[in-house]
Amino acid sequence: MSFHLSAEDIRVDDNHILRARLQSVDGEWRDAEIDLDNHLGNTEGMIQWDGGNFSQSVENVEFSIEGGGEVPVLRCFCRDSEGNEYARDVNLSERISNQDGQFVYN
């Protein structure tokens, strides 16, 4: 299940820490976080899963729920090795889920 469907107060802090209150299977709300720098990279201006430290070469990181509340999107400007910037986005629910009140990278 997409994490955002069982979450509240979702935000991205410091350009790379995804935080929220996630609902557990027993209905309790738990504070949770996951460091996106452990899972996202920037390869020549493109956001890539299974990378790392993307926040070191991006600017203007924003998070929003889009498309009628169905898509948790991270948007930013990624730089390539020549310093060019590109507007990029990634659907965080492609790889991040809520498992019993904790973020899990799949």
PDB file of N, CA and C in Angstrom:
ATOM      1  N   MET A   1       0.844  -1.178   0.000  1.00  0.00           N
ATOM      2  CA  MET A   1       0.000   0.000   0.000  1.00  0.00           C
ATOM      3  C   MET A   1       0.888   1.239   0.000  1.00  0.00           C
ATOM      4  N   SER A   2       0.476   2.249  -0.724  1.00  0.00           N
ATOM      5  CA  SER A   2       1.212   3.513  -0.732  1.00  0.00           C
ATOM      6  C   SER A   2       1.229   4.099   0.674  1.00  0.00           C
ATOM      7  N   PHE A   3       2.398   4.493   1.133  1.00  0.00           N
ATOM      8  CA  PHE A   3       2.553   4.956   2.509  1.00  0.00           C
ATOM      9  C   PHE A   3       1.658   6.143   2.835  1.00  0.00           C
ATOM     10  N   HIS A   4       1.446   7.022   1.869  1.00  0.00           N
ATOM     11  CA  HIS A   4       0.722   8.251   2.151  1.00  0.00           C
ATOM     12  C   HIS A   4      -0.761   8.032   2.431  1.00  0.00           C
ATOM     13  N   LEU A   5      -1.290   6.866   2.077  1.00  0.00           N
ATOM     14  CA  LEU A   5      -2.695   6.573   2.337  1.00  0.00           C
ATOM     15  C   LEU A   5      -2.943   6.228   3.800  1.00  0.00           C
ATOM     16  N   SER A   6      -1.879   5.959   4.547  1.00  0.00           N
ATOM     17  CA  SER A   6      -1.988   5.662   5.976  1.00  0.00           C
ATOM     18  C   SER A   6      -1.029   6.548   6.757  1.00  0.00           C
ATOM     19  N   ALA A   7      -0.962   7.836   6.329  1.00  0.00           N
ATOM     20  CA  ALA A   7      -0.020   8.764   6.956  1.00  0.00           C
ATOM     21  C   ALA A   7      -0.668  10.128   7.142  1.00  0.00           C
ATOM     22  N   GLU A   8      -0.092  10.894   8.046  1.00  0.00           N
ATOM     23  CA  GLU A   8      -0.474  12.290   8.231  1.00  0.00           C
ATOM     24  C   GLU A   8       0.783  13.096   8.529  1.00  0.00           C
ATOM     25  N   ASP A   9       0.679  14.396   8.330  1.00  0.00           N
ATOM     26  CA  ASP A   9       1.811  15.310   8.575  1.00  0.00           C
ATOM     27  C   ASP A   9       3.059  14.896   7.790  1.00  0.00           C
ATOM     28  N   ILE A  10       2.897  14.552   6.534  1.00  0.00           N
ATOM     29  CA  ILE A  10       4.024  14.126   5.691  1.00  0.00           C
ATOM     30  C   ILE A  10       4.818  15.353   5.264  1.00  0.00           C
ATOM     31  N   ARG A  11       6.142  15.242   5.345  1.00  0.00           N
ATOM     32  CA  ARG A  11       7.015  16.347   4.931  1.00  0.00           C
ATOM     33  C   ARG A  11       8.408  15.816   4.628  1.00  0.00           C
ATOM     34  N   VAL A  12       9.192  16.643   3.951  1.00  0.00           N
ATOM     35  CA  VAL A  12      10.601  16.351   3.724  1.00  0.00           C
ATOM     36  C   VAL A  12      11.397  17.451   4.400  1.00  0.00           C
ATOM     37  N   ASP A  13      12.240  17.074   5.348  1.00  0.00           N
ATOM     38  CA  ASP A  13      13.085  18.016   6.080  1.00  0.00           C
ATOM     39  C   ASP A  13      14.526  17.915   5.601  1.00  0.00           C
ATOM     40  N   ASP A  14      15.234  19.016   5.652  1.00  0.00           N
ATOM     41  CA  ASP A  14      16.661  19.068   5.298  1.00  0.00           C
ATOM     42  C   ASP A  14      16.931  18.524   3.895  1.00  0.00           C
ATOM     43  N   ASN A  15      15.950  18.609   3.020  1.00  0.00           N
ATOM     44  CA  ASN A  15      16.058  18.174   1.620  1.00  0.00           C
ATOM     45  C   ASN A  15      16.206  16.671   1.422  1.00  0.00           C
ATOM     46  N   HIS A  16      16.161  15.868   2.510  1.00  0.00           N
ATOM     47  CA  HIS A  16      16.339  14.428   2.307  1.00  0.00           C
ATOM     48  C   HIS A  16      15.722  13.525   3.362  1.00  0.00           C
ATOM     49  N   ILE A  17      15.137  14.062   4.406  1.00  0.00           N
ATOM     50  CA  ILE A  17      14.527  13.222   5.442  1.00  0.00           C
ATOM     51  C   ILE A  17      13.011  13.247   5.274  1.00  0.00           C
ATOM     52  N   LEU A  18      12.434  12.116   4.855  1.00  0.00           N
ATOM     53  CA  LEU A  18      10.984  11.986   4.740  1.00  0.00           C
ATOM     54  C   LEU A  18      10.446  11.636   6.119  1.00  0.00           C
ATOM     55  N   ARG A  19       9.542  12.477   6.618  1.00  0.00           N
ATOM     56  CA  ARG A  19       8.966  12.267   7.949  1.00  0.00           C
ATOM     57  C   ARG A  19       7.448  12.275   7.844  1.00  0.00           C
ATOM     58  N   ALA A  20       6.813  11.521   8.739  1.00  0.00           N
ATOM     59  CA  ALA A  20       5.353  11.481   8.807  1.00  0.00           C
ATOM     60  C   ALA A  20       4.936  10.759  10.083  1.00  0.00           C
ATOM     61  N   ARG A  21       3.655  10.834  10.351  1.00  0.00           N
ATOM     62  CA  ARG A  21       3.045   9.971  11.362  1.00  0.00           C
ATOM     63  C   ARG A  21       2.362   8.871  10.566  1.00  0.00           C
ATOM     64  N   LEU A  22       2.781   7.632  10.803  1.00  0.00           N
ATOM     65  CA  LEU A  22       2.259   6.488  10.064  1.00  0.00           C
ATOM     66  C   LEU A  22       1.374   5.636  10.966  1.00  0.00           C
ATOM     67  N   GLN A  23       0.293   5.148  10.392  1.00  0.00           N
ATOM     68  CA  GLN A  23      -0.618   4.299  11.150  1.00  0.00           C
ATOM     69  C   GLN A  23      -0.118   2.859  11.131  1.00  0.00           C
ATOM     70  N   SER A  24      -0.102   2.248  12.299  1.00  0.00           N
ATOM     71  CA  SER A  24       0.313   0.850  12.421  1.00  0.00           C
ATOM     72  C   SER A  24      -0.908  -0.056  12.229  1.00  0.00           C
ATOM     73  N   VAL A  25      -0.674  -1.371  12.185  1.00  0.00           N
ATOM     74  CA  VAL A  25      -1.772  -2.310  11.966  1.00  0.00           C
ATOM     75  C   VAL A  25      -2.778  -2.293  13.111  1.00  0.00           C
ATOM     76  N   ASP A  26      -2.338  -1.900  14.315  1.00  0.00           N
ATOM     77  CA  ASP A  26      -3.276  -1.826  15.446  1.00  0.00           C
ATOM     78  C   ASP A  26      -3.966  -0.469  15.538  1.00  0.00           C
ATOM     79  N   GLY A  27      -3.751   0.403  14.534  1.00  0.00           N
ATOM     80  CA  GLY A  27      -4.427   1.694  14.482  1.00  0.00           C
ATOM     81  C   GLY A  27      -3.710   2.827  15.173  1.00  0.00           C
ATOM     82  N   GLU A  28      -2.598   2.540  15.822  1.00  0.00           N
ATOM     83  CA  GLU A  28      -1.824   3.576  16.503  1.00  0.00           C
ATOM     84  C   GLU A  28      -1.053   4.416  15.484  1.00  0.00           C
ATOM     85  N   TRP A  29      -0.820   5.667  15.826  1.00  0.00           N
ATOM     86  CA  TRP A  29      -0.023   6.567  14.976  1.00  0.00           C
ATOM     87  C   TRP A  29       1.381   6.657  15.539  1.00  0.00           C
ATOM     88  N   ARG A  30       2.369   6.464  14.670  1.00  0.00           N
ATOM     89  CA  ARG A  30       3.769   6.458  15.089  1.00  0.00           C
ATOM     90  C   ARG A  30       4.574   7.448  14.261  1.00  0.00           C
ATOM     91  N   ASP A  31       5.462   8.173  14.917  1.00  0.00           N
ATOM     92  CA  ASP A  31       6.385   9.048  14.203  1.00  0.00           C
ATOM     93  C   ASP A  31       7.379   8.177  13.453  1.00  0.00           C
ATOM     94  N   ALA A  32       7.608   8.498  12.183  1.00  0.00           N
ATOM     95  CA  ALA A  32       8.517   7.693  11.361  1.00  0.00           C
ATOM     96  C   ALA A  32       9.335   8.607  10.464  1.00  0.00           C
ATOM     97  N   GLU A  33      10.496   8.116  10.083  1.00  0.00           N
ATOM     98  CA  GLU A  33      11.330   8.856   9.138  1.00  0.00           C
ATOM     99  C   GLU A  33      12.200   7.881   8.358  1.00  0.00           C
ATOM    100  N   ILE A  34      12.594   8.334   7.167  1.00  0.00           N
ATOM    101  CA  ILE A  34      13.509   7.575   6.333  1.00  0.00           C
ATOM    102  C   ILE A  34      14.405   8.578   5.614  1.00  0.00           C
ATOM    103  N   ASP A  35      15.679   8.272   5.553  1.00  0.00           N
ATOM    104  CA  ASP A  35      16.645   9.150   4.899  1.00  0.00           C
ATOM    105  C   ASP A  35      16.687   8.820   3.413  1.00  0.00           C
ATOM    106  N   LEU A  36      16.145   9.712   2.604  1.00  0.00           N
ATOM    107  CA  LEU A  36      16.099   9.482   1.161  1.00  0.00           C
ATOM    108  C   LEU A  36      17.491   9.440   0.544  1.00  0.00           C
ATOM    109  N   ASP A  37      18.486  10.038   1.202  1.00  0.00           N
ATOM    110  CA  ASP A  37      19.862   9.979   0.703  1.00  0.00           C
ATOM    111  C   ASP A  37      20.413   8.556   0.680  1.00  0.00           C
ATOM    112  N   ASN A  38      19.787   7.653   1.415  1.00  0.00           N
ATOM    113  CA  ASN A  38      20.210   6.249   1.403  1.00  0.00           C
ATOM    114  C   ASN A  38      19.622   5.470   0.232  1.00  0.00           C
ATOM    115  N   HIS A  39      18.701   6.110  -0.521  1.00  0.00           N
ATOM    116  CA  HIS A  39      17.983   5.377  -1.562  1.00  0.00           C
ATOM    117  C   HIS A  39      17.886   6.097  -2.899  1.00  0.00           C
ATOM    118  N   LEU A  40      18.104   7.399  -2.916  1.00  0.00           N
ATOM    119  CA  LEU A  40      18.016   8.182  -4.151  1.00  0.00           C
ATOM    120  C   LEU A  40      19.368   8.785  -4.498  1.00  0.00           C
ATOM    121  N   GLY A  41      19.676   8.761  -5.775  1.00  0.00           N
ATOM    122  CA  GLY A  41      20.905   9.385  -6.258  1.00  0.00           C
ATOM    123  C   GLY A  41      20.606  10.317  -7.413  1.00  0.00           C
ATOM    124  N   ASN A  42      21.586  11.113  -7.768  1.00  0.00           N
ATOM    125  CA  ASN A  42      21.491  12.000  -8.924  1.00  0.00           C
ATOM    126  C   ASN A  42      22.573  11.564  -9.900  1.00  0.00           C
ATOM    127  N   THR A  43      22.154  11.035 -11.046  1.00  0.00           N
ATOM    128  CA  THR A  43      23.089  10.610 -12.081  1.00  0.00           C
ATOM    129  C   THR A  43      22.937  11.551 -13.271  1.00  0.00           C
ATOM    130  N   GLU A  44      23.898  12.444 -13.401  1.00  0.00           N
ATOM    131  CA  GLU A  44      23.911  13.406 -14.513  1.00  0.00           C
ATOM    132  C   GLU A  44      22.577  14.124 -14.706  1.00  0.00           C
ATOM    133  N   GLY A  45      22.020  14.607 -13.568  1.00  0.00           N
ATOM    134  CA  GLY A  45      20.796  15.390 -13.634  1.00  0.00           C
ATOM    135  C   GLY A  45      19.513  14.590 -13.587  1.00  0.00           C
ATOM    136  N   MET A  46      19.612  13.284 -13.361  1.00  0.00           N
ATOM    137  CA  MET A  46      18.434  12.416 -13.278  1.00  0.00           C
ATOM    138  C   MET A  46      18.356  11.789 -11.885  1.00  0.00           C
ATOM    139  N   ILE A  47      17.164  11.801 -11.273  1.00  0.00           N
ATOM    140  CA  ILE A  47      16.976  11.122  -9.994  1.00  0.00           C
ATOM    141  C   ILE A  47      16.914   9.619 -10.259  1.00  0.00           C
ATOM    142  N   GLN A  48      17.666   8.852  -9.480  1.00  0.00           N
ATOM    143  CA  GLN A  48      17.729   7.396  -9.649  1.00  0.00           C
ATOM    144  C   GLN A  48      17.485   6.693  -8.315  1.00  0.00           C
ATOM    145  N   TRP A  49      16.625   5.674  -8.327  1.00  0.00           N
ATOM    146  CA  TRP A  49      16.482   4.803  -7.161  1.00  0.00           C
ATOM    147  C   TRP A  49      17.747   3.954  -7.036  1.00  0.00           C
ATOM    148  N   ASP A  50      17.992   3.428  -5.860  1.00  0.00           N
ATOM    149  CA  ASP A  50      19.149   2.588  -5.542  1.00  0.00           C
ATOM    150  C   ASP A  50      20.447   3.370  -5.640  1.00  0.00           C
ATOM    151  N   GLY A  51      20.350   4.680  -5.521  1.00  0.00           N
ATOM    152  CA  GLY A  51      21.531   5.537  -5.504  1.00  0.00           C
ATOM    153  C   GLY A  51      21.765   6.045  -4.095  1.00  0.00           C
ATOM    154  N   GLY A  52      22.460   7.160  -4.003  1.00  0.00           N
ATOM    155  CA  GLY A  52      22.727   7.739  -2.699  1.00  0.00           C
ATOM    156  C   GLY A  52      23.096   9.204  -2.789  1.00  0.00           C
ATOM    157  N   ASN A  53      22.869   9.889  -1.675  1.00  0.00           N
ATOM    158  CA  ASN A  53      23.291  11.278  -1.487  1.00  0.00           C
ATOM    159  C   ASN A  53      22.760  12.243  -2.538  1.00  0.00           C
ATOM    160  N   PHE A  54      21.521  12.028  -3.002  1.00  0.00           N
ATOM    161  CA  PHE A  54      20.975  12.926  -4.015  1.00  0.00           C
ATOM    162  C   PHE A  54      20.903  14.361  -3.519  1.00  0.00           C
ATOM    163  N   SER A  55      20.709  14.562  -2.218  1.00  0.00           N
ATOM    164  CA  SER A  55      20.533  15.929  -1.703  1.00  0.00           C
ATOM    165  C   SER A  55      21.794  16.774  -1.837  1.00  0.00           C
ATOM    166  N   GLN A  56      22.933  16.142  -2.079  1.00  0.00           N
ATOM    167  CA  GLN A  56      24.186  16.886  -2.220  1.00  0.00           C
ATOM    168  C   GLN A  56      24.269  17.640  -3.547  1.00  0.00           C
ATOM    169  N   SER A  57      23.424  17.283  -4.521  1.00  0.00           N
ATOM    170  CA  SER A  57      23.507  17.920  -5.835  1.00  0.00           C
ATOM    171  C   SER A  57      22.133  18.340  -6.369  1.00  0.00           C
ATOM    172  N   VAL A  58      21.221  18.683  -5.450  1.00  0.00           N
ATOM    173  CA  VAL A  58      19.901  19.164  -5.852  1.00  0.00           C
ATOM    174  C   VAL A  58      19.560  20.442  -5.093  1.00  0.00           C
ATOM    175  N   GLU A  59      18.576  21.154  -5.606  1.00  0.00           N
ATOM    176  CA  GLU A  59      18.092  22.373  -4.950  1.00  0.00           C
ATOM    177  C   GLU A  59      16.576  22.405  -5.018  1.00  0.00           C
ATOM    178  N   ASN A  60      16.007  23.250  -4.171  1.00  0.00           N
ATOM    179  CA  ASN A  60      14.560  23.495  -4.169  1.00  0.00           C
ATOM    180  C   ASN A  60      13.747  22.212  -4.044  1.00  0.00           C
ATOM    181  N   VAL A  61      14.073  21.390  -3.068  1.00  0.00           N
ATOM    182  CA  VAL A  61      13.347  20.144  -2.839  1.00  0.00           C
ATOM    183  C   VAL A  61      11.971  20.473  -2.264  1.00  0.00           C
ATOM    184  N   GLU A  62      10.931  19.919  -2.883  1.00  0.00           N
ATOM    185  CA  GLU A  62       9.560  20.107  -2.435  1.00  0.00           C
ATOM    186  C   GLU A  62       8.835  18.769  -2.441  1.00  0.00           C
ATOM    187  N   PHE A  63       7.881  18.628  -1.528  1.00  0.00           N
ATOM    188  CA  PHE A  63       7.063  17.424  -1.464  1.00  0.00           C
ATOM    189  C   PHE A  63       5.603  17.827  -1.544  1.00  0.00           C
ATOM    190  N   SER A  64       4.807  17.058  -2.295  1.00  0.00           N
ATOM    191  CA  SER A  64       3.369  17.289  -2.342  1.00  0.00           C
ATOM    192  C   SER A  64       2.649  16.001  -2.725  1.00  0.00           C
ATOM    193  N   ILE A  65       1.364  15.969  -2.383  1.00  0.00           N
ATOM    194  CA  ILE A  65       0.490  14.886  -2.810  1.00  0.00           C
ATOM    195  C   ILE A  65      -0.255  15.422  -4.025  1.00  0.00           C
ATOM    196  N   GLU A  66      -0.173  14.725  -5.148  1.00  0.00           N
ATOM    197  CA  GLU A  66      -0.737  15.225  -6.400  1.00  0.00           C
ATOM    198  C   GLU A  66      -1.714  14.229  -7.013  1.00  0.00           C
ATOM    199  N   GLY A  67      -2.449  14.692  -8.002  1.00  0.00           N
ATOM    200  CA  GLY A  67      -3.375  13.822  -8.735  1.00  0.00           C
ATOM    201  C   GLY A  67      -4.526  13.322  -7.900  1.00  0.00           C
ATOM    202  N   GLY A  68      -5.236  14.215  -7.239  1.00  0.00           N
ATOM    203  CA  GLY A  68      -6.371  13.803  -6.426  1.00  0.00           C
ATOM    204  C   GLY A  68      -5.969  13.033  -5.185  1.00  0.00           C
ATOM    205  N   GLY A  69      -4.755  13.271  -4.684  1.00  0.00           N
ATOM    206  CA  GLY A  69      -4.292  12.617  -3.469  1.00  0.00           C
ATOM    207  C   GLY A  69      -3.702  11.243  -3.672  1.00  0.00           C
ATOM    208  N   GLU A  70      -3.407  10.890  -4.898  1.00  0.00           N
ATOM    209  CA  GLU A  70      -2.937   9.536  -5.176  1.00  0.00           C
ATOM    210  C   GLU A  70      -1.428   9.378  -5.327  1.00  0.00           C
ATOM    211  N   VAL A  71      -0.694  10.490  -5.502  1.00  0.00           N
ATOM    212  CA  VAL A  71       0.731  10.358  -5.805  1.00  0.00           C
ATOM    213  C   VAL A  71       1.572  11.253  -4.891  1.00  0.00           C
ATOM    214  N   PRO A  72       2.429  10.656  -4.049  1.00  0.00           N
ATOM    215  CA  PRO A  72       3.340  11.448  -3.229  1.00  0.00           C
ATOM    216  C   PRO A  72       4.598  11.784  -4.042  1.00  0.00           C
ATOM    217  N   VAL A  73       4.748  13.040  -4.428  1.00  0.00           N
ATOM    218  CA  VAL A  73       5.783  13.441  -5.367  1.00  0.00           C
ATOM    219  C   VAL A  73       6.850  14.301  -4.696  1.00  0.00           C
ATOM    220  N   LEU A  74       8.103  13.954  -4.941  1.00  0.00           N
ATOM    221  CA  LEU A  74       9.245  14.762  -4.545  1.00  0.00           C
ATOM    222  C   LEU A  74       9.724  15.482  -5.804  1.00  0.00           C
ATOM    223  N   ARG A  75       9.817  16.801  -5.748  1.00  0.00           N
ATOM    224  CA  ARG A  75      10.296  17.600  -6.878  1.00  0.00           C
ATOM    225  C   ARG A  75      11.552  18.347  -6.463  1.00  0.00           C
ATOM    226  N   CYS A  76      12.466  18.510  -7.430  1.00  0.00           N
ATOM    227  CA  CYS A  76      13.699  19.242  -7.161  1.00  0.00           C
ATOM    228  C   CYS A  76      14.359  19.621  -8.475  1.00  0.00           C
ATOM    229  N   PHE A  77      15.428  20.387  -8.366  1.00  0.00           N
ATOM    230  CA  PHE A  77      16.275  20.690  -9.508  1.00  0.00           C
ATOM    231  C   PHE A  77      17.581  19.944  -9.313  1.00  0.00           C
ATOM    232  N   CYS A  78      17.917  19.059 -10.252  1.00  0.00           N
ATOM    233  CA  CYS A  78      19.134  18.253 -10.190  1.00  0.00           C
ATOM    234  C   CYS A  78      20.204  18.866 -11.083  1.00  0.00           C
ATOM    235  N   ARG A  79      21.437  18.880 -10.588  1.00  0.00           N
ATOM    236  CA  ARG A  79      22.567  19.349 -11.389  1.00  0.00           C
ATOM    237  C   ARG A  79      23.313  18.166 -11.986  1.00  0.00           C
ATOM    238  N   ASP A  80      23.822  18.383 -13.216  1.00  0.00           N
ATOM    239  CA  ASP A  80      24.706  17.381 -13.806  1.00  0.00           C
ATOM    240  C   ASP A  80      26.151  17.790 -13.534  1.00  0.00           C
ATOM    241  N   SER A  81      27.109  17.040 -14.042  1.00  0.00           N
ATOM    242  CA  SER A  81      28.522  17.296 -13.750  1.00  0.00           C
ATOM    243  C   SER A  81      29.029  18.594 -14.363  1.00  0.00           C
ATOM    244  N   GLU A  82      28.277  19.152 -15.297  1.00  0.00           N
ATOM    245  CA  GLU A  82      28.665  20.424 -15.903  1.00  0.00           C
ATOM    246  C   GLU A  82      27.970  21.610 -15.245  1.00  0.00           C
ATOM    247  N   GLY A  83      27.147  21.355 -14.232  1.00  0.00           N
ATOM    248  CA  GLY A  83      26.463  22.419 -13.519  1.00  0.00           C
ATOM    249  C   GLY A  83      25.110  22.801 -14.079  1.00  0.00           C
ATOM    250  N   ASN A  84      24.656  22.118 -15.120  1.00  0.00           N
ATOM    251  CA  ASN A  84      23.328  22.385 -15.673  1.00  0.00           C
ATOM    252  C   ASN A  84      22.272  21.862 -14.705  1.00  0.00           C
ATOM    253  N   GLU A  85      21.139  22.575 -14.590  1.00  0.00           N
ATOM    254  CA  GLU A  85      20.059  22.164 -13.701  1.00  0.00           C
ATOM    255  C   GLU A  85      18.854  21.708 -14.500  1.00  0.00           C
ATOM    256  N   TYR A  86      18.214  20.660 -13.982  1.00  0.00           N
ATOM    257  CA  TYR A  86      17.038  20.088 -14.622  1.00  0.00           C
ATOM    258  C   TYR A  86      15.942  19.889 -13.578  1.00  0.00           C
ATOM    259  N   ALA A  87      14.704  20.278 -13.908  1.00  0.00           N
ATOM    260  CA  ALA A  87      13.564  20.027 -13.030  1.00  0.00           C
ATOM    261  C   ALA A  87      13.236  18.540 -13.099  1.00  0.00           C
ATOM    262  N   ARG A  88      13.198  17.890 -11.954  1.00  0.00           N
ATOM    263  CA  ARG A  88      12.931  16.448 -11.896  1.00  0.00           C
ATOM    264  C   ARG A  88      11.912  16.152 -10.798  1.00  0.00           C
ATOM    265  N   ASP A  89      11.269  14.999 -10.911  1.00  0.00           N
ATOM    266  CA  ASP A  89      10.359  14.548  -9.867  1.00  0.00           C
ATOM    267  C   ASP A  89      10.405  13.028  -9.780  1.00  0.00           C
ATOM    268  N   VAL A  90       9.971  12.530  -8.633  1.00  0.00           N
ATOM    269  CA  VAL A  90       9.921  11.090  -8.415  1.00  0.00           C
ATOM    270  C   VAL A  90       8.709  10.778  -7.539  1.00  0.00           C
ATOM    271  N   ASN A  91       8.002   9.701  -7.887  1.00  0.00           N
ATOM    272  CA  ASN A  91       6.881   9.202  -7.114  1.00  0.00           C
ATOM    273  C   ASN A  91       7.461   8.349  -5.982  1.00  0.00           C
ATOM    274  N   LEU A  92       7.396   8.848  -4.757  1.00  0.00           N
ATOM    275  CA  LEU A  92       8.017   8.139  -3.638  1.00  0.00           C
ATOM    276  C   LEU A  92       7.333   6.808  -3.315  1.00  0.00           C
ATOM    277  N   SER A  93       6.068   6.661  -3.688  1.00  0.00           N
ATOM    278  CA  SER A  93       5.389   5.395  -3.380  1.00  0.00           C
ATOM    279  C   SER A  93       5.828   4.255  -4.301  1.00  0.00           C
ATOM    280  N   GLU A  94       6.648   4.560  -5.312  1.00  0.00           N
ATOM    281  CA  GLU A  94       7.196   3.491  -6.158  1.00  0.00           C
ATOM    282  C   GLU A  94       8.030   2.518  -5.335  1.00  0.00           C
ATOM    283  N   ARG A  95       8.713   3.026  -4.305  1.00  0.00           N
ATOM    284  CA  ARG A  95       9.630   2.173  -3.544  1.00  0.00           C
ATOM    285  C   ARG A  95       9.483   2.282  -2.024  1.00  0.00           C
ATOM    286  N   ILE A  96       8.708   3.234  -1.551  1.00  0.00           N
ATOM    287  CA  ILE A  96       8.586   3.422  -0.101  1.00  0.00           C
ATOM    288  C   ILE A  96       7.179   3.058   0.335  1.00  0.00           C
ATOM    289  N   SER A  97       7.096   2.267   1.403  1.00  0.00           N
ATOM    290  CA  SER A  97       5.792   1.852   1.912  1.00  0.00           C
ATOM    291  C   SER A  97       5.746   2.007   3.436  1.00  0.00           C
ATOM    292  N   ASN A  98       4.554   1.848   3.975  1.00  0.00           N
ATOM    293  CA  ASN A  98       4.324   1.836   5.422  1.00  0.00           C
ATOM    294  C   ASN A  98       4.110   0.396   5.822  1.00  0.00           C
ATOM    295  N   GLN A  99       4.986  -0.119   6.664  1.00  0.00           N
ATOM    296  CA  GLN A  99       4.814  -1.459   7.199  1.00  0.00           C
ATOM    297  C   GLN A  99       4.746  -1.358   8.718  1.00  0.00           C
ATOM    298  N   ASP A 100       3.520  -1.470   9.210  1.00  0.00           N
ATOM    299  CA  ASP A 100       3.243  -1.422  10.643  1.00  0.00           C
ATOM    300  C   ASP A 100       3.780  -0.164  11.318  1.00  0.00           C
ATOM    301  N   GLY A 101       3.582   0.979  10.659  1.00  0.00           N
ATOM    302  CA  GLY A 101       3.957   2.247  11.263  1.00  0.00           C
ATOM    303  C   GLY A 101       5.406   2.653  11.037  1.00  0.00           C
ATOM    304  N   GLN A 102       6.095   1.984  10.111  1.00  0.00           N
ATOM    305  CA  GLN A 102       7.480   2.324   9.796  1.00  0.00           C
ATOM    306  C   GLN A 102       7.653   2.433   8.290  1.00  0.00           C
ATOM    307  N   PHE A 103       8.488   3.391   7.877  1.00  0.00           N
ATOM    308  CA  PHE A 103       8.831   3.471   6.462  1.00  0.00           C
ATOM    309  C   PHE A 103       9.725   2.297   6.107  1.00  0.00           C
ATOM    310  N   VAL A 104       9.451   1.691   4.942  1.00  0.00           N
ATOM    311  CA  VAL A 104      10.274   0.595   4.454  1.00  0.00           C
ATOM    312  C   VAL A 104      10.576   0.870   2.985  1.00  0.00           C
ATOM    313  N   TYR A 105      11.855   0.706   2.614  1.00  0.00           N
ATOM    314  CA  TYR A 105      12.274   0.845   1.234  1.00  0.00           C
ATOM    315  C   TYR A 105      12.180  -0.507   0.570  1.00  0.00           C
ATOM    316  N   ASN A 106      11.459  -0.583  -0.545  1.00  0.00           N
ATOM    317  CA  ASN A 106      11.258  -1.863  -1.249  1.00  0.00           C
ATOM    318  C   ASN A 106      12.103  -1.904  -2.492  1.00  0.00           C
TER     319      ASN A 106
END
